[in-house]
C-alpha atoms as a PDB file:
ATOM      1  CA  MET A   1       0.000   0.000   0.000  1.00  0.00           C
ATOM      2  CA  LYS A   2       1.308   3.444  -0.937  1.00  0.00           C
ATOM      3  CA  THR A   3       1.851   6.170   1.644  1.00  0.00           C
ATOM      4  CA  ALA A   4       0.046   9.508   1.367  1.00  0.00           C
ATOM      5  CA  SER A   5       3.308  11.109   0.237  1.00  0.00           C
ATOM      6  CA  GLU A   6       3.749   8.531  -2.516  1.00  0.00           C
ATOM      7  CA  ILE A   7       0.180   9.094  -3.708  1.00  0.00           C
ATOM      8  CA  LEU A   8       0.715  12.866  -3.821  1.00  0.00           C
ATOM      9  CA  ASP A   9       3.935  12.369  -5.781  1.00  0.00           C
ATOM     10  CA  LEU A  10       2.070  10.216  -8.324  1.00  0.00           C
ATOM     11  CA  LEU A  11      -0.681  12.813  -8.649  1.00  0.00           C
ATOM     12  CA  GLU A  12       1.852  15.581  -9.227  1.00  0.00           C
ATOM     13  CA  GLU A  13       3.673  13.484 -11.801  1.00  0.00           C
ATOM     14  CA  ASN A  14       0.365  12.883 -13.613  1.00  0.00           C
ATOM     15  CA  MET A  15      -0.521  16.595 -13.593  1.00  0.00           C
ATOM     16  CA  ARG A  16       2.893  17.536 -14.978  1.00  0.00           C
ATOM     17  CA  ALA A  17       2.455  14.982 -17.762  1.00  0.00           C
ATOM     18  CA  GLN A  18      -0.800  16.699 -18.796  1.00  0.00           C
ATOM     19  CA  ALA A  19       0.536  20.250 -18.493  1.00  0.00           C
ATOM     20  CA  VAL A  20       1.394  22.333 -21.550  1.00  0.00           C
ATOM     21  CA  PRO A  21       3.589  25.440 -21.889  1.00  0.00           C
ATOM     22  CA  ILE A  22       1.480  28.511 -21.114  1.00  0.00           C
ATOM     23  CA  ALA A  23       4.265  31.105 -20.876  1.00  0.00           C
ATOM     24  CA  GLN A  24       8.058  31.290 -20.858  1.00  0.00           C
ATOM     25  CA  GLY A  25       9.140  28.865 -18.134  1.00  0.00           C
ATOM     26  CA  VAL A  26       5.579  28.040 -17.047  1.00  0.00           C
ATOM     27  CA  LEU A  27       3.544  24.875 -17.573  1.00  0.00           C
ATOM     28  CA  GLY A  28      -0.127  24.593 -16.771  1.00  0.00           C
ATOM     29  CA  ILE A  29      -3.527  23.079 -17.271  1.00  0.00           C
ATOM     30  CA  LEU A  30      -6.077  25.778 -18.064  1.00  0.00           C
ATOM     31  CA  PHE A  31      -9.631  25.938 -19.318  1.00  0.00           C
ATOM     32  CA  ARG A  32     -12.532  28.379 -19.538  1.00  0.00           C
ATOM     33  CA  ASP A  33     -15.580  28.027 -17.321  1.00  0.00           C
ATOM     34  CA  PRO A  34     -18.441  27.308 -19.739  1.00  0.00           C
ATOM     35  CA  HIS A  35     -20.892  29.267 -17.588  1.00  0.00           C
ATOM     36  CA  ASP A  36     -19.154  32.608 -17.099  1.00  0.00           C
ATOM     37  CA  GLY A  37     -15.983  32.484 -19.215  1.00  0.00           C
ATOM     38  CA  ALA A  38     -13.612  32.700 -16.237  1.00  0.00           C
ATOM     39  CA  LEU A  39     -10.129  31.281 -16.667  1.00  0.00           C
ATOM     40  CA  ILE A  40      -9.747  28.159 -14.527  1.00  0.00           C
ATOM     41  CA  VAL A  41      -6.151  27.361 -13.605  1.00  0.00           C
ATOM     42  CA  ASN A  42      -6.190  23.698 -12.664  1.00  0.00           C
ATOM     43  CA  TYR A  43      -2.411  23.405 -12.370  1.00  0.00           C
ATOM     44  CA  VAL A  44       0.544  25.767 -12.738  1.00  0.00           C
ATOM     45  CA  TRP A  45       4.205  24.811 -12.456  1.00  0.00           C
ATOM     46  CA  ALA A  46       7.476  26.710 -12.897  1.00  0.00           C
ATOM     47  CA  GLU A  47      10.153  24.966 -14.903  1.00  0.00           C
ATOM     48  CA  ARG A  48      12.750  26.857 -12.827  1.00  0.00           C
ATOM     49  CA  GLU A  49      11.460  27.456  -9.306  1.00  0.00           C
ATOM     50  CA  GLY A  50      12.230  30.924  -8.007  1.00  0.00           C
ATOM     51  CA  ALA A  51      12.932  32.479 -11.424  1.00  0.00           C
ATOM     52  CA  GLY A  52       9.796  34.654 -11.301  1.00  0.00           C
ATOM     53  CA  ASP A  53       8.172  33.152 -14.388  1.00  0.00           C
ATOM     54  CA  VAL A  54       4.878  32.233 -12.694  1.00  0.00           C
ATOM     55  CA  GLY A  55       4.633  35.697 -11.129  1.00  0.00           C
ATOM     56  CA  ARG A  56       5.230  37.375 -14.488  1.00  0.00           C
ATOM     57  CA  TRP A  57       2.568  35.161 -16.080  1.00  0.00           C
ATOM     58  CA  LEU A  58       0.060  36.070 -13.345  1.00  0.00           C
ATOM     59  CA  ASP A  59       0.857  39.776 -13.777  1.00  0.00           C
ATOM     60  CA  ALA A  60       0.321  39.524 -17.551  1.00  0.00           C
ATOM     61  CA  LEU A  61      -3.208  38.092 -17.308  1.00  0.00           C
ATOM     62  CA  PRO A  62      -5.784  40.635 -18.555  1.00  0.00           C
ATOM     63  CA  ALA A  63      -7.324  42.650 -15.704  1.00  0.00           C
ATOM     64  CA  GLU A  64     -10.843  42.199 -17.117  1.00  0.00           C
ATOM     65  CA  LEU A  65     -10.562  38.400 -16.900  1.00  0.00           C
ATOM     66  CA  THR A  66     -11.867  36.568 -13.833  1.00  0.00           C
ATOM     67  CA  VAL A  67      -9.271  33.968 -12.797  1.00  0.00           C
ATOM     68  CA  ARG A  68      -9.842  30.994 -10.501  1.00  0.00           C
ATOM     69  CA  VAL A  69      -6.788  29.050  -9.365  1.00  0.00           C
ATOM     70  CA  ILE A  70      -8.065  25.804  -7.872  1.00  0.00           C
ATOM     71  CA  ALA A  71      -6.441  23.244  -5.590  1.00  0.00           C
ATOM     72  CA  VAL A  72      -3.468  25.397  -4.541  1.00  0.00           C
ATOM     73  CA  THR A  73      -1.151  23.144  -2.537  1.00  0.00           C
ATOM     74  CA  SER A  74       2.005  25.288  -2.606  1.00  0.00           C
ATOM     75  CA  ASP A  75       2.542  27.908   0.094  1.00  0.00           C
ATOM     76  CA  ARG A  76       4.731  29.822  -2.365  1.00  0.00           C
ATOM     77  CA  LEU A  77       1.929  29.984  -4.966  1.00  0.00           C
ATOM     78  CA  ALA A  78      -0.656  30.854  -2.300  1.00  0.00           C
ATOM     79  CA  GLY A  79       1.541  33.775  -1.231  1.00  0.00           C
ATOM     80  CA  MET A  80       2.004  34.978  -4.815  1.00  0.00           C
ATOM     81  CA  LEU A  81      -1.746  34.917  -5.369  1.00  0.00           C
ATOM     82  CA  ALA A  82      -2.556  36.689  -2.087  1.00  0.00           C
ATOM     83  CA  ARG A  83      -0.014  39.446  -2.792  1.00  0.00           C
ATOM     84  CA  ARG A  84      -1.707  40.023  -6.166  1.00  0.00           C
ATOM     85  CA  GLY A  85      -5.149  40.426  -4.591  1.00  0.00           C
ATOM     86  CA  TYR A  86      -6.566  36.952  -5.197  1.00  0.00           C
ATOM     87  CA  LYS A  87      -9.055  36.013  -2.462  1.00  0.00           C
ATOM     88  CA  HIS A  88      -9.104  32.558  -0.875  1.00  0.00           C
ATOM     89  CA  CYS A  89     -12.599  31.061  -1.058  1.00  0.00           C
ATOM     90  CA  HIS A  90     -14.517  28.011  -2.232  1.00  0.00           C
ATOM     91  CA  VAL A  91     -15.992  27.748  -5.730  1.00  0.00           C
ATOM     92  CA  LEU A  92     -18.189  25.241  -7.498  1.00  0.00           C
ATOM     93  CA  THR A  93     -16.334  22.993  -9.889  1.00  0.00           C
ATOM     94  CA  PRO A  94     -17.258  23.637 -13.550  1.00  0.00           C
ATOM     95  CA  SER A  95     -19.353  20.462 -13.482  1.00  0.00           C
ATOM     96  CA  GLY A  96     -21.306  22.032 -10.599  1.00  0.00           C
ATOM     97  CA  ASP A  97     -21.228  18.904  -8.476  1.00  0.00           C
ATOM     98  CA  ARG A  98     -18.920  19.963  -5.625  1.00  0.00           C
ATOM     99  CA  TRP A  99     -17.131  22.846  -3.954  1.00  0.00           C
ATOM    100  CA  CYS A 100     -13.357  23.173  -3.984  1.00  0.00           C
ATOM    101  CA  PRO A 101     -10.881  25.640  -2.438  1.00  0.00           C
ATOM    102  CA  ALA A 102      -9.585  28.292  -4.807  1.00  0.00           C
ATOM    103  CA  TYR A 103      -7.929  31.667  -5.101  1.00  0.00           C
ATOM    104  CA  VAL A 104     -10.058  34.048  -7.149  1.00  0.00           C
ATOM    105  CA  ARG A 105      -9.401  37.386  -8.811  1.00  0.00           C
ATOM    106  CA  ARG A 106     -12.554  39.012 -10.130  1.00  0.00           C
ATOM    107  CA  GLY A 107     -12.218  40.636 -13.505  1.00  0.00           C
ATOM    108  CA  ARG A 108     -12.496  44.413 -13.657  1.00  0.00           C
ATOM    109  CA  ARG A 109     -14.951  45.806 -16.178  1.00  0.00           C
END
């Protein structure tokens, strides 16, 4: 039987395998919410941790776009999001069948 740490490692490995380049030095899994058009960030990963690439990508997202970063497990990413005004809350999954923790930045109109 696998330990919790081993299971988390397998999950992370699987997410990285599905991720695609979304910016210089940044991989991610993104999609649009079919109900309101918000950008859902399901996974974001820096190719070189500490290089600032994820922060630059976050800063470059259009201000009018609502962004939901779900399932944040990294304290470093949580801090980056909080410093940029993202609010920690719970949101419905796009399928509408459950709530999940997220960091949300509402788009400005």
